Amino acid sequence: MQKKGRLAAWSLLLLCILVSGLCFSAKAEDTCQTASLKWMIYGEKTQEWDRVFQEFNEELHQFYPNMNVEFEVISKDSYARQWEMKMAAGESIDIAWIGSEVLSFSEEVKKGNFMAMDYLLNICGKDLTEQIPQELWEKQKRDSNTYGIPVLGPLYRENRTLIVNKNLMDRYGDFEEILTVNREYPYTEKECFTVMEPFLEKVKENHALGKGVDYQSVCKLADKGYEGLYGVDSPFVIRIFDEKPVVYNKYELDSYRDCFEVMSDWYQKGYIREDVAYLINPGEENGKISGNILFVEETGEKKSVFDQIDTEYESLQGDLEGYRYISGDTGRNCLVIPKTSKYPKEAMELLNLLHSEEGKELYRLLANGVEKTDYIRVRQDTDIIARMTDNNHHYKYSVSPVNFGNLFHGFELCEGQFDKILENNQQAMISRLEGFELDVRMIAVEMKKIDLIVQRYKEPLIEGITQDWKTEYQEFCAEMEAAGSQKVVEEIQRQIDRFLMQKNS
């Protein structure tokens, strides 16, 4: 009797294991359990988001009947903050976009925020490993483990782009002169800012200043020509055009000193409006008809970029840098499976599907929306599309395709767009620090102190609201020095010199 009981128990256990395996097998036909994945992407929600995502889930059921995806759309400006909060709270996220201009890939790996995915790639990532070149996978490895899926597309970092109202610039300014002057200087100098002043003066005289200058974005120009060495907002940089990589505290360099001086002057002249300077996020007024008169975004030139900045008016958008640069830390975009994922295997299966030929139309649905509702083909025999707008001239559906994987799987927005991106990838400068990983153990305390000092001083200086910017700036530099900035510079320089010696030996 006992033998029969044990036999029945073993039979039941075997049946449970078998059923459990069937529930999560690829393209399962039963309905044992639904995997509800959460995917974190960047962007600004538009009219058609919810409908496109609903249609995506309906189409996905043809491949995985038991899988649904919930997309959380977060603005690029708040993406890093939201990510940090979610990781600290242990919130479940199954897939996330990571961009090198928003988060430091290496630092997130050190924090343990990404799952190593080598096993998952081996069992259900065949299309991914075959499609993406090995040299790009190497950039996503740390300690021989793979932590990210490289996104095929632009490998170079985004350029700083000036965006203004075309009608106002045509009447009151010289857009080409502003671009030319900025491109002439490898590193930002005072003239890169002051060349904009004739335009600002005239629009103010004609009561067309709107909310004034978005000082936060314009001050990003001070970082032109620098490569950060620890995280996205690292105070410690190298100057990429110098013959030898030398470490600096960027806030002690002329580009930032000039920036603080000009912003103080612009505040006094009213180009930075007093009522706007105290807003938590003045960038919210960018692109609005009565919003900021000019602002700077990180994007690319029209013929090779897929995320043109949406504005309520006809805009001029021009590259202020004139070069392409591939940073040393990692690729520009990647997709990760966070440590908090509930469904890592299903996440990998979905990503593999979107990179496969059979999942191509599914990818295009996410990247571009629904044909004849959100876009139209320029010609039926091509893969070039034009996005459709609403009555306010906003795109009905707009998202950067790099949130979902291989850009080249999608449509082009103009003829030759993909060829131009590939050409830029080939011609881009490559960081001499490719493969370098900073060890901060000896300087972690000093770096934390300096970060806190930067948080206290930087914002008032770029707002221009300090009554005596020179004294404030001198105090800023003195406090960083007292906190150990020179020790940090010397230690990072030592590590870079050793890295380059080993690399070149």
Foldseek 3Di string as FASTA:
>chain_A
DVVVVVVVVVVVVVVVVVVVVLLPDWQRDDAPAAAEAEEEEEDDDFQCVVVLQVVLQVVCCNGPVRYHYDYDYHHLVCVLVVVVVCQVVLPAHFKYKDFQLRKFLVVCVVVQFFDFCPVLCVPAVVLQVVPDDPVQQVLQDDPNTGFWRDFAAFQFWFFKKKKAFPVLCVVFHDVVVLQVVLQVDQADALCNPCNCVSSLVVCVVVVQQQQAAQLVQVLVSRCRQWDAADINPHLWTFRQPDPDTAIDRSLPDNSNVSLLVVLLVCVVVCNNPPVLLPDPHLCVQPQESRHGRMGIDGFHDDLATQAPDHHLHDMDMGGNHPATEREQNHGRMTMGGTPSHPCNSVSSNQLSLCSDPNNLVSLQCVAQNDEPPQWHAPDPVFLAIAGDADPSRGRNDHDHSSSRHYPVSHGGPDPCNRVVSVVNNVRHHYGPCRVDDDDCPVPVQLSVQLVVLCVVQVSCSSNSPDPDNVVSSVVSVVSNVVSPVVVVSVRVVVSVVVVSVVVVD
